[in-house]
Amino acid sequence: MWGTWERWGSVWIIALGALPVAVLLAVVCALWRKHTGWPPRWAWVSSFAEIGAVAGTVPWLWMILTPTGGTRRIQWMPLGDLISLRAADVATVIEQVGGNLLVFAAAGYLLPIRFRIGPWGIIGLAAAGSATVEFLQYVLAIGRVSSIDDVILNAAGAGLAALLSRPCWRRRPDSAPGP
């Protein structure tokens, strides 16, 4: 796990450093929405959900799209990478499975709060986003494996996160003005 910190610790330090900027941006957005007639509660909730979904996803995308110097390849067989993890140590399994589950988790948790979208819609969006990232990894030749298992785990993580946020989901279409 120390290797993970050495490799990606700077990403998380920068992400944590950018957190106050994200909070400030959400506050400014909420105040603007209140000023333009949005109900106060909805102005705050929607602003923090939108900014949080982006701020919680960008560090993962940064790590995924960072060149590694390896050779590019495609793993088309579903569960092929997961099966190969049987021989790996626990830290590697946690990094691979846990990391892939978390890539779109922030978006999966927060988007149903902001938009009327259920877990299947979130899973579809996360799968499309993940497939795009895997495509970019291959096309940009950044030395990574483009794997169907990553798409499956990314989408599953977003779907599970969406289910966790269910008590906060947006229920009525008329509960907020605007888009």
N, C-alpha and C. Protein backbone atom coordinates (compact mmCIF):
# COMPACT_ATOMS: atom_id res chain seq x y z
N MET A 1 0.82 -1.20 0.00
CA MET A 1 0.00 0.00 0.00
C MET A 1 0.87 1.26 0.00
N TRP A 2 2.08 1.17 0.52
CA TRP A 2 2.97 2.33 0.54
C TRP A 2 3.27 2.78 -0.89
N GLY A 3 3.41 1.83 -1.80
CA GLY A 3 3.66 2.17 -3.20
C GLY A 3 2.52 2.99 -3.78
N THR A 4 1.31 2.68 -3.36
CA THR A 4 0.15 3.44 -3.82
C THR A 4 0.25 4.89 -3.36
N TRP A 5 0.61 5.08 -2.10
CA TRP A 5 0.75 6.44 -1.59
C TRP A 5 1.87 7.19 -2.33
N GLU A 6 2.99 6.50 -2.56
CA GLU A 6 4.09 7.14 -3.28
C GLU A 6 3.68 7.56 -4.69
N ARG A 7 2.88 6.71 -5.32
CA ARG A 7 2.46 6.97 -6.70
C ARG A 7 1.36 8.02 -6.79
N TRP A 8 0.39 7.96 -5.87
CA TRP A 8 -0.80 8.79 -6.02
C TRP A 8 -1.03 9.77 -4.87
N GLY A 9 -0.16 9.79 -3.90
CA GLY A 9 -0.34 10.70 -2.77
C GLY A 9 -0.44 12.16 -3.19
N SER A 10 0.36 12.55 -4.17
CA SER A 10 0.33 13.95 -4.62
C SER A 10 -1.03 14.32 -5.21
N VAL A 11 -1.67 13.37 -5.88
CA VAL A 11 -3.00 13.64 -6.43
C VAL A 11 -3.97 13.95 -5.30
N TRP A 12 -3.93 13.16 -4.24
CA TRP A 12 -4.86 13.36 -3.13
C TRP A 12 -4.53 14.61 -2.32
N ILE A 13 -3.26 14.95 -2.21
CA ILE A 13 -2.89 16.19 -1.53
C ILE A 13 -3.42 17.39 -2.31
N ILE A 14 -3.26 17.37 -3.62
CA ILE A 14 -3.78 18.45 -4.46
C ILE A 14 -5.30 18.48 -4.41
N ALA A 15 -5.95 17.31 -4.44
CA ALA A 15 -7.41 17.25 -4.37
C ALA A 15 -7.90 17.83 -3.04
N LEU A 16 -7.24 17.48 -1.95
CA LEU A 16 -7.63 18.04 -0.65
C LEU A 16 -7.38 19.54 -0.60
N GLY A 17 -6.29 19.98 -1.22
CA GLY A 17 -6.01 21.41 -1.28
C GLY A 17 -7.04 22.16 -2.11
N ALA A 18 -7.60 21.50 -3.11
CA ALA A 18 -8.60 22.13 -3.96
C ALA A 18 -10.00 22.09 -3.34
N LEU A 19 -10.17 21.32 -2.29
CA LEU A 19 -11.48 21.18 -1.65
C LEU A 19 -12.07 22.52 -1.21
N PRO A 20 -11.29 23.40 -0.56
CA PRO A 20 -11.87 24.70 -0.21
C PRO A 20 -12.35 25.50 -1.43
N VAL A 21 -11.66 25.36 -2.54
CA VAL A 21 -12.08 26.04 -3.77
C VAL A 21 -13.42 25.47 -4.24
N ALA A 22 -13.57 24.15 -4.17
CA ALA A 22 -14.82 23.51 -4.57
C ALA A 22 -15.97 23.96 -3.66
N VAL A 23 -15.70 24.02 -2.36
CA VAL A 23 -16.74 24.47 -1.42
C VAL A 23 -17.11 25.92 -1.72
N LEU A 24 -16.12 26.76 -1.94
CA LEU A 24 -16.39 28.17 -2.27
C LEU A 24 -17.20 28.28 -3.56
N LEU A 25 -16.86 27.50 -4.55
CA LEU A 25 -17.60 27.50 -5.81
C LEU A 25 -19.05 27.08 -5.59
N ALA A 26 -19.28 26.05 -4.76
CA ALA A 26 -20.64 25.61 -4.47
C ALA A 26 -21.41 26.69 -3.72
N VAL A 27 -20.76 27.38 -2.79
CA VAL A 27 -21.42 28.46 -2.05
C VAL A 27 -21.81 29.59 -3.00
N VAL A 28 -20.88 29.99 -3.86
CA VAL A 28 -21.17 31.07 -4.82
C VAL A 28 -22.32 30.65 -5.74
N CYS A 29 -22.29 29.41 -6.20
CA CYS A 29 -23.36 28.90 -7.07
C CYS A 29 -24.70 28.91 -6.34
N ALA A 30 -24.72 28.47 -5.09
CA ALA A 30 -25.96 28.44 -4.30
C ALA A 30 -26.49 29.86 -4.07
N LEU A 31 -25.61 30.77 -3.73
CA LEU A 31 -26.04 32.16 -3.50
C LEU A 31 -26.59 32.78 -4.78
N TRP A 32 -25.96 32.48 -5.90
CA TRP A 32 -26.46 32.99 -7.18
C TRP A 32 -27.85 32.42 -7.48
N ARG A 33 -28.01 31.15 -7.22
CA ARG A 33 -29.31 30.52 -7.47
C ARG A 33 -30.38 31.11 -6.56
N LYS A 34 -30.05 31.33 -5.30
CA LYS A 34 -31.01 31.97 -4.39
C LYS A 34 -31.38 33.36 -4.90
N HIS A 35 -30.39 34.08 -5.37
CA HIS A 35 -30.60 35.44 -5.89
C HIS A 35 -31.51 35.43 -7.12
N THR A 36 -31.43 34.38 -7.92
CA THR A 36 -32.24 34.31 -9.14
C THR A 36 -33.59 33.62 -8.92
N GLY A 37 -33.95 33.35 -7.67
CA GLY A 37 -35.29 32.86 -7.37
C GLY A 37 -35.43 31.39 -7.02
N TRP A 38 -34.35 30.68 -6.93
CA TRP A 38 -34.45 29.28 -6.53
C TRP A 38 -34.84 29.21 -5.05
N PRO A 39 -35.61 28.19 -4.67
CA PRO A 39 -35.86 28.00 -3.24
C PRO A 39 -34.53 27.79 -2.51
N PRO A 40 -34.34 28.42 -1.36
CA PRO A 40 -33.03 28.38 -0.68
C PRO A 40 -32.48 26.97 -0.46
N ARG A 41 -33.29 26.07 0.07
CA ARG A 41 -32.79 24.72 0.34
C ARG A 41 -32.32 24.05 -0.95
N TRP A 42 -33.13 24.17 -1.99
CA TRP A 42 -32.79 23.51 -3.25
C TRP A 42 -31.56 24.14 -3.89
N ALA A 43 -31.39 25.44 -3.73
CA ALA A 43 -30.20 26.12 -4.27
C ALA A 43 -28.93 25.53 -3.64
N TRP A 44 -28.97 25.31 -2.33
CA TRP A 44 -27.80 24.75 -1.64
C TRP A 44 -27.57 23.29 -1.99
N VAL A 45 -28.63 22.49 -1.94
CA VAL A 45 -28.50 21.05 -2.20
C VAL A 45 -28.00 20.80 -3.62
N SER A 46 -28.62 21.45 -4.59
CA SER A 46 -28.22 21.20 -5.98
C SER A 46 -26.80 21.69 -6.26
N SER A 47 -26.43 22.81 -5.69
CA SER A 47 -25.07 23.34 -5.92
C SER A 47 -24.01 22.41 -5.34
N PHE A 48 -24.20 21.97 -4.11
CA PHE A 48 -23.21 21.07 -3.51
C PHE A 48 -23.21 19.70 -4.17
N ALA A 49 -24.37 19.23 -4.63
CA ALA A 49 -24.41 17.93 -5.33
C ALA A 49 -23.65 18.00 -6.65
N GLU A 50 -23.85 19.06 -7.41
CA GLU A 50 -23.18 19.19 -8.70
C GLU A 50 -21.66 19.33 -8.54
N ILE A 51 -21.24 20.24 -7.67
CA ILE A 51 -19.80 20.47 -7.48
C ILE A 51 -19.16 19.24 -6.83
N GLY A 52 -19.85 18.62 -5.89
CA GLY A 52 -19.32 17.43 -5.23
C GLY A 52 -19.14 16.26 -6.18
N ALA A 53 -20.08 16.08 -7.10
CA ALA A 53 -19.97 14.99 -8.07
C ALA A 53 -18.73 15.15 -8.93
N VAL A 54 -18.45 16.38 -9.33
CA VAL A 54 -17.26 16.64 -10.16
C VAL A 54 -15.99 16.52 -9.31
N ALA A 55 -15.98 17.19 -8.16
CA ALA A 55 -14.78 17.20 -7.32
C ALA A 55 -14.43 15.81 -6.80
N GLY A 56 -15.42 14.97 -6.61
CA GLY A 56 -15.16 13.62 -6.12
C GLY A 56 -14.75 12.64 -7.20
N THR A 57 -14.92 13.02 -8.46
CA THR A 57 -14.59 12.13 -9.57
C THR A 57 -13.27 12.50 -10.25
N VAL A 58 -12.97 13.78 -10.32
CA VAL A 58 -11.78 14.24 -11.05
C VAL A 58 -10.47 13.60 -10.56
N PRO A 59 -10.22 13.49 -9.24
CA PRO A 59 -8.94 12.87 -8.83
C PRO A 59 -8.78 11.44 -9.34
N TRP A 60 -9.86 10.69 -9.36
CA TRP A 60 -9.80 9.31 -9.86
C TRP A 60 -9.48 9.30 -11.34
N LEU A 61 -10.12 10.19 -12.10
CA LEU A 61 -9.85 10.25 -13.54
C LEU A 61 -8.41 10.68 -13.80
N TRP A 62 -7.91 11.58 -12.99
CA TRP A 62 -6.52 12.01 -13.10
C TRP A 62 -5.59 10.81 -12.95
N MET A 63 -5.85 9.99 -11.93
CA MET A 63 -4.99 8.81 -11.70
C MET A 63 -5.12 7.81 -12.85
N ILE A 64 -6.34 7.58 -13.30
CA ILE A 64 -6.58 6.59 -14.35
C ILE A 64 -5.92 7.00 -15.67
N LEU A 65 -5.87 8.29 -15.94
CA LEU A 65 -5.34 8.76 -17.22
C LEU A 65 -3.88 9.21 -17.13
N THR A 66 -3.21 8.89 -16.04
CA THR A 66 -1.79 9.19 -15.90
C THR A 66 -0.98 8.09 -16.57
N PRO A 67 -0.05 8.44 -17.46
CA PRO A 67 0.79 7.42 -18.12
C PRO A 67 1.61 6.62 -17.10
N THR A 68 1.78 5.32 -17.39
CA THR A 68 2.54 4.45 -16.49
C THR A 68 3.84 3.95 -17.10
N GLY A 69 4.00 4.10 -18.39
CA GLY A 69 5.21 3.60 -19.04
C GLY A 69 5.14 2.13 -19.41
N GLY A 70 4.03 1.47 -19.12
CA GLY A 70 3.87 0.07 -19.50
C GLY A 70 3.41 -0.05 -20.94
N THR A 71 3.03 -1.26 -21.31
CA THR A 71 2.51 -1.47 -22.66
C THR A 71 0.99 -1.48 -22.60
N ARG A 72 0.37 -0.97 -23.64
CA ARG A 72 -1.09 -0.95 -23.66
C ARG A 72 -1.61 -2.29 -24.16
N ARG A 73 -2.74 -2.68 -23.61
CA ARG A 73 -3.42 -3.87 -24.10
C ARG A 73 -4.88 -3.80 -23.69
N ILE A 74 -5.68 -4.67 -24.28
CA ILE A 74 -7.11 -4.71 -23.99
C ILE A 74 -7.45 -6.06 -23.36
N GLN A 75 -8.23 -6.03 -22.30
CA GLN A 75 -8.72 -7.24 -21.65
C GLN A 75 -10.23 -7.28 -21.90
N TRP A 76 -10.63 -8.07 -22.91
CA TRP A 76 -12.04 -8.14 -23.30
C TRP A 76 -12.84 -9.14 -22.48
N MET A 77 -12.18 -10.15 -21.92
CA MET A 77 -12.90 -11.21 -21.22
C MET A 77 -13.45 -10.70 -19.89
N PRO A 78 -14.79 -10.69 -19.75
CA PRO A 78 -15.35 -10.26 -18.47
C PRO A 78 -14.84 -11.13 -17.33
N LEU A 79 -14.51 -10.50 -16.25
CA LEU A 79 -14.00 -11.11 -15.01
C LEU A 79 -12.59 -11.67 -15.15
N GLY A 80 -11.95 -11.49 -16.29
CA GLY A 80 -10.59 -12.00 -16.48
C GLY A 80 -9.60 -11.38 -15.52
N ASP A 81 -9.65 -10.06 -15.37
CA ASP A 81 -8.74 -9.39 -14.43
C ASP A 81 -9.07 -9.76 -12.99
N LEU A 82 -10.36 -9.88 -12.70
CA LEU A 82 -10.75 -10.22 -11.33
C LEU A 82 -10.30 -11.63 -10.96
N ILE A 83 -10.40 -12.55 -11.90
CA ILE A 83 -9.94 -13.92 -11.64
C ILE A 83 -8.44 -13.94 -11.42
N SER A 84 -7.71 -13.13 -12.17
CA SER A 84 -6.25 -13.11 -12.00
C SER A 84 -5.84 -12.52 -10.65
N LEU A 85 -6.73 -11.80 -10.00
CA LEU A 85 -6.42 -11.24 -8.68
C LEU A 85 -6.41 -12.30 -7.57
N ARG A 86 -6.86 -13.51 -7.89
CA ARG A 86 -6.84 -14.58 -6.87
C ARG A 86 -5.44 -14.83 -6.35
N ALA A 87 -4.46 -14.66 -7.22
CA ALA A 87 -3.07 -14.92 -6.83
C ALA A 87 -2.39 -13.69 -6.22
N ALA A 88 -3.07 -12.55 -6.21
CA ALA A 88 -2.47 -11.31 -5.72
C ALA A 88 -2.57 -11.21 -4.20
N ASP A 89 -1.73 -10.36 -3.63
CA ASP A 89 -1.81 -10.11 -2.19
C ASP A 89 -3.02 -9.24 -1.88
N VAL A 90 -3.41 -9.21 -0.62
CA VAL A 90 -4.62 -8.51 -0.20
C VAL A 90 -4.56 -7.02 -0.55
N ALA A 91 -3.40 -6.40 -0.38
CA ALA A 91 -3.27 -4.97 -0.67
C ALA A 91 -3.57 -4.68 -2.14
N THR A 92 -3.10 -5.53 -3.03
CA THR A 92 -3.35 -5.34 -4.46
C THR A 92 -4.83 -5.51 -4.77
N VAL A 93 -5.47 -6.50 -4.16
CA VAL A 93 -6.90 -6.72 -4.37
C VAL A 93 -7.69 -5.49 -3.90
N ILE A 94 -7.34 -4.98 -2.72
CA ILE A 94 -8.03 -3.79 -2.20
C ILE A 94 -7.84 -2.60 -3.12
N GLU A 95 -6.61 -2.40 -3.58
CA GLU A 95 -6.33 -1.29 -4.49
C GLU A 95 -7.11 -1.41 -5.79
N GLN A 96 -7.09 -2.59 -6.38
CA GLN A 96 -7.72 -2.78 -7.68
C GLN A 96 -9.25 -2.75 -7.59
N VAL A 97 -9.80 -3.55 -6.71
CA VAL A 97 -11.26 -3.64 -6.60
C VAL A 97 -11.82 -2.38 -5.94
N GLY A 98 -11.25 -2.02 -4.79
CA GLY A 98 -11.73 -0.83 -4.09
C GLY A 98 -11.59 0.43 -4.92
N GLY A 99 -10.44 0.61 -5.54
CA GLY A 99 -10.22 1.79 -6.36
C GLY A 99 -11.20 1.87 -7.51
N ASN A 100 -11.44 0.76 -8.18
CA ASN A 100 -12.38 0.76 -9.31
C ASN A 100 -13.82 0.99 -8.86
N LEU A 101 -14.17 0.51 -7.68
CA LEU A 101 -15.52 0.77 -7.16
C LEU A 101 -15.72 2.25 -6.83
N LEU A 102 -14.64 2.95 -6.50
CA LEU A 102 -14.75 4.34 -6.06
C LEU A 102 -14.65 5.38 -7.18
N VAL A 103 -14.25 4.98 -8.39
CA VAL A 103 -14.01 5.95 -9.46
C VAL A 103 -15.20 6.88 -9.69
N PHE A 104 -16.39 6.33 -9.85
CA PHE A 104 -17.58 7.14 -10.10
C PHE A 104 -18.54 7.13 -8.91
N ALA A 105 -18.06 6.77 -7.73
CA ALA A 105 -18.92 6.70 -6.55
C ALA A 105 -19.47 8.06 -6.14
N ALA A 106 -18.65 9.09 -6.18
CA ALA A 106 -19.14 10.43 -5.80
C ALA A 106 -20.27 10.87 -6.73
N ALA A 107 -20.06 10.68 -8.02
CA ALA A 107 -21.11 11.03 -8.98
C ALA A 107 -22.33 10.15 -8.77
N GLY A 108 -22.11 8.86 -8.52
CA GLY A 108 -23.22 7.95 -8.28
C GLY A 108 -24.03 8.32 -7.06
N TYR A 109 -23.37 8.80 -6.04
CA TYR A 109 -24.05 9.19 -4.80
C TYR A 109 -24.81 10.51 -4.99
N LEU A 110 -24.18 11.48 -5.62
CA LEU A 110 -24.72 12.84 -5.65
C LEU A 110 -25.66 13.15 -6.81
N LEU A 111 -25.48 12.52 -7.96
CA LEU A 111 -26.34 12.86 -9.11
C LEU A 111 -27.82 12.55 -8.89
N PRO A 112 -28.18 11.44 -8.21
CA PRO A 112 -29.62 11.22 -7.97
C PRO A 112 -30.23 12.24 -7.01
N ILE A 113 -29.38 12.88 -6.21
CA ILE A 113 -29.86 13.93 -5.32
C ILE A 113 -30.20 15.18 -6.13
N ARG A 114 -29.40 15.45 -7.15
CA ARG A 114 -29.60 16.64 -7.97
C ARG A 114 -30.61 16.43 -9.09
N PHE A 115 -30.54 15.29 -9.73
CA PHE A 115 -31.40 15.01 -10.88
C PHE A 115 -32.30 13.82 -10.58
N ARG A 116 -33.43 13.75 -11.26
CA ARG A 116 -34.32 12.61 -11.09
C ARG A 116 -33.79 11.45 -11.92
N ILE A 117 -32.87 10.73 -11.34
CA ILE A 117 -32.25 9.60 -12.04
C ILE A 117 -32.03 8.49 -11.02
N GLY A 118 -32.45 7.29 -11.36
CA GLY A 118 -32.34 6.16 -10.45
C GLY A 118 -31.05 5.39 -10.62
N PRO A 119 -30.91 4.29 -9.90
CA PRO A 119 -29.66 3.53 -9.94
C PRO A 119 -29.33 2.97 -11.32
N TRP A 120 -30.34 2.56 -12.09
CA TRP A 120 -30.03 2.01 -13.41
C TRP A 120 -29.50 3.10 -14.34
N GLY A 121 -30.05 4.29 -14.22
CA GLY A 121 -29.53 5.41 -15.01
C GLY A 121 -28.11 5.76 -14.62
N ILE A 122 -27.84 5.72 -13.32
CA ILE A 122 -26.48 5.99 -12.83
C ILE A 122 -25.52 4.92 -13.31
N ILE A 123 -25.94 3.67 -13.25
CA ILE A 123 -25.09 2.58 -13.72
C ILE A 123 -24.79 2.76 -15.21
N GLY A 124 -25.80 3.12 -15.98
CA GLY A 124 -25.59 3.36 -17.41
C GLY A 124 -24.63 4.51 -17.68
N LEU A 125 -24.81 5.61 -16.95
CA LEU A 125 -23.91 6.76 -17.12
C LEU A 125 -22.48 6.40 -16.72
N ALA A 126 -22.34 5.70 -15.60
CA ALA A 126 -21.00 5.31 -15.14
C ALA A 126 -20.35 4.34 -16.11
N ALA A 127 -21.13 3.40 -16.64
CA ALA A 127 -20.57 2.46 -17.62
C ALA A 127 -20.12 3.20 -18.88
N ALA A 128 -20.92 4.15 -19.33
CA ALA A 128 -20.53 4.94 -20.51
C ALA A 128 -19.28 5.77 -20.23
N GLY A 129 -19.24 6.40 -19.06
CA GLY A 129 -18.07 7.18 -18.68
C GLY A 129 -16.83 6.31 -18.56
N SER A 130 -16.99 5.16 -17.96
CA SER A 130 -15.87 4.24 -17.77
C SER A 130 -15.39 3.69 -19.11
N ALA A 131 -16.32 3.34 -19.99
CA ALA A 131 -15.92 2.85 -21.32
C ALA A 131 -15.15 3.93 -22.07
N THR A 132 -15.57 5.17 -21.90
CA THR A 132 -14.86 6.29 -22.54
C THR A 132 -13.44 6.40 -21.99
N VAL A 133 -13.30 6.28 -20.67
CA VAL A 133 -11.97 6.35 -20.05
C VAL A 133 -11.09 5.19 -20.53
N GLU A 134 -11.64 3.99 -20.59
CA GLU A 134 -10.87 2.84 -21.05
C GLU A 134 -10.45 3.02 -22.51
N PHE A 135 -11.35 3.57 -23.33
CA PHE A 135 -11.03 3.88 -24.72
C PHE A 135 -9.88 4.88 -24.79
N LEU A 136 -9.95 5.94 -23.98
CA LEU A 136 -8.89 6.95 -23.96
C LEU A 136 -7.56 6.35 -23.51
N GLN A 137 -7.60 5.46 -22.53
CA GLN A 137 -6.36 4.82 -22.08
C GLN A 137 -5.69 4.09 -23.24
N TYR A 138 -6.48 3.43 -24.04
CA TYR A 138 -5.91 2.69 -25.16
C TYR A 138 -5.44 3.62 -26.28
N VAL A 139 -6.30 4.54 -26.69
CA VAL A 139 -5.98 5.43 -27.81
C VAL A 139 -4.79 6.33 -27.49
N LEU A 140 -4.71 6.80 -26.26
CA LEU A 140 -3.60 7.68 -25.87
C LEU A 140 -2.31 6.92 -25.60
N ALA A 141 -2.38 5.59 -25.60
CA ALA A 141 -1.20 4.73 -25.39
C ALA A 141 -0.42 5.16 -24.15
N ILE A 142 -1.13 5.19 -23.01
CA ILE A 142 -0.50 5.64 -21.77
C ILE A 142 0.04 4.49 -20.92
N GLY A 143 0.09 3.30 -21.51
CA GLY A 143 0.70 2.17 -20.82
C GLY A 143 -0.20 1.50 -19.82
N ARG A 144 -1.48 1.46 -20.09
CA ARG A 144 -2.43 0.84 -19.17
C ARG A 144 -3.22 -0.25 -19.88
N VAL A 145 -3.79 -1.12 -19.08
CA VAL A 145 -4.68 -2.16 -19.60
C VAL A 145 -6.08 -1.58 -19.65
N SER A 146 -6.71 -1.63 -20.80
CA SER A 146 -8.10 -1.24 -20.95
C SER A 146 -8.94 -2.49 -20.73
N SER A 147 -9.69 -2.51 -19.64
CA SER A 147 -10.34 -3.75 -19.22
C SER A 147 -11.84 -3.60 -19.05
N ILE A 148 -12.57 -4.60 -19.51
CA ILE A 148 -14.01 -4.64 -19.31
C ILE A 148 -14.33 -4.76 -17.82
N ASP A 149 -13.45 -5.37 -17.05
CA ASP A 149 -13.67 -5.48 -15.60
C ASP A 149 -13.67 -4.11 -14.94
N ASP A 150 -12.85 -3.20 -15.42
CA ASP A 150 -12.85 -1.85 -14.87
C ASP A 150 -14.19 -1.18 -15.12
N VAL A 151 -14.75 -1.37 -16.31
CA VAL A 151 -16.06 -0.80 -16.63
C VAL A 151 -17.12 -1.38 -15.70
N ILE A 152 -17.08 -2.69 -15.50
CA ILE A 152 -18.06 -3.35 -14.63
C ILE A 152 -17.94 -2.83 -13.20
N LEU A 153 -16.72 -2.77 -12.66
CA LEU A 153 -16.53 -2.32 -11.28
C LEU A 153 -16.85 -0.83 -11.12
N ASN A 154 -16.47 -0.01 -12.08
CA ASN A 154 -16.79 1.43 -12.00
C ASN A 154 -18.30 1.63 -11.97
N ALA A 155 -19.02 0.93 -12.84
CA ALA A 155 -20.48 1.07 -12.89
C ALA A 155 -21.12 0.51 -11.62
N ALA A 156 -20.62 -0.61 -11.13
CA ALA A 156 -21.17 -1.19 -9.90
C ALA A 156 -20.96 -0.26 -8.71
N GLY A 157 -19.79 0.34 -8.62
CA GLY A 157 -19.52 1.28 -7.53
C GLY A 157 -20.45 2.47 -7.56
N ALA A 158 -20.69 3.01 -8.75
CA ALA A 158 -21.61 4.14 -8.88
C ALA A 158 -23.03 3.73 -8.52
N GLY A 159 -23.44 2.53 -8.95
CA GLY A 159 -24.78 2.05 -8.62
C GLY A 159 -24.96 1.83 -7.13
N LEU A 160 -23.97 1.25 -6.47
CA LEU A 160 -24.04 1.05 -5.02
C LEU A 160 -24.08 2.39 -4.28
N ALA A 161 -23.29 3.34 -4.73
CA ALA A 161 -23.29 4.67 -4.12
C ALA A 161 -24.65 5.34 -4.30
N ALA A 162 -25.26 5.15 -5.47
CA ALA A 162 -26.59 5.72 -5.71
C ALA A 162 -27.61 5.14 -4.73
N LEU A 163 -27.53 3.85 -4.50
CA LEU A 163 -28.46 3.22 -3.55
C LEU A 163 -28.25 3.75 -2.13
N LEU A 164 -27.02 4.04 -1.77
CA LEU A 164 -26.74 4.60 -0.44
C LEU A 164 -27.36 5.98 -0.26
N SER A 165 -27.49 6.73 -1.34
CA SER A 165 -28.05 8.08 -1.23
C SER A 165 -29.57 8.11 -1.41
N ARG A 166 -30.19 6.97 -1.52
CA ARG A 166 -31.62 6.91 -1.82
C ARG A 166 -32.51 7.77 -0.92
N PRO A 167 -32.27 7.84 0.39
CA PRO A 167 -33.14 8.69 1.21
C PRO A 167 -33.11 10.17 0.81
N CYS A 168 -32.10 10.59 0.11
CA CYS A 168 -31.95 12.01 -0.27
C CYS A 168 -32.35 12.28 -1.71
N TRP A 169 -32.80 11.29 -2.45
CA TRP A 169 -33.07 11.46 -3.87
C TRP A 169 -34.11 12.53 -4.14
N ARG A 170 -33.96 13.16 -5.28
CA ARG A 170 -34.96 14.12 -5.74
C ARG A 170 -36.19 13.33 -6.16
N ARG A 171 -37.34 13.71 -5.62
CA ARG A 171 -38.54 12.92 -5.87
C ARG A 171 -39.52 13.61 -6.82
N ARG A 172 -39.73 14.89 -6.65
CA ARG A 172 -40.74 15.58 -7.46
C ARG A 172 -40.08 16.36 -8.58
N PRO A 173 -40.64 16.29 -9.79
CA PRO A 173 -40.05 17.05 -10.90
C PRO A 173 -40.22 18.55 -10.72
N ASP A 174 -41.22 18.96 -9.92
CA ASP A 174 -41.48 20.39 -9.78
C ASP A 174 -40.83 20.98 -8.52
N SER A 175 -39.88 20.27 -7.93
CA SER A 175 -39.28 20.75 -6.69
C SER A 175 -38.19 21.79 -6.90
N ALA A 176 -37.85 22.07 -8.15
CA ALA A 176 -36.81 23.07 -8.40
C ALA A 176 -37.04 23.74 -9.75
N PRO A 177 -36.70 25.00 -9.83
CA PRO A 177 -36.79 25.67 -11.13
C PRO A 177 -35.59 25.33 -11.99
N GLY A 178 -35.65 25.71 -13.21
CA GLY A 178 -34.49 25.55 -14.09
C GLY A 178 -34.29 24.13 -14.55
N PRO A 179 -33.10 23.84 -15.09
CA PRO A 179 -32.82 22.53 -15.68
C PRO A 179 -32.72 21.42 -14.66
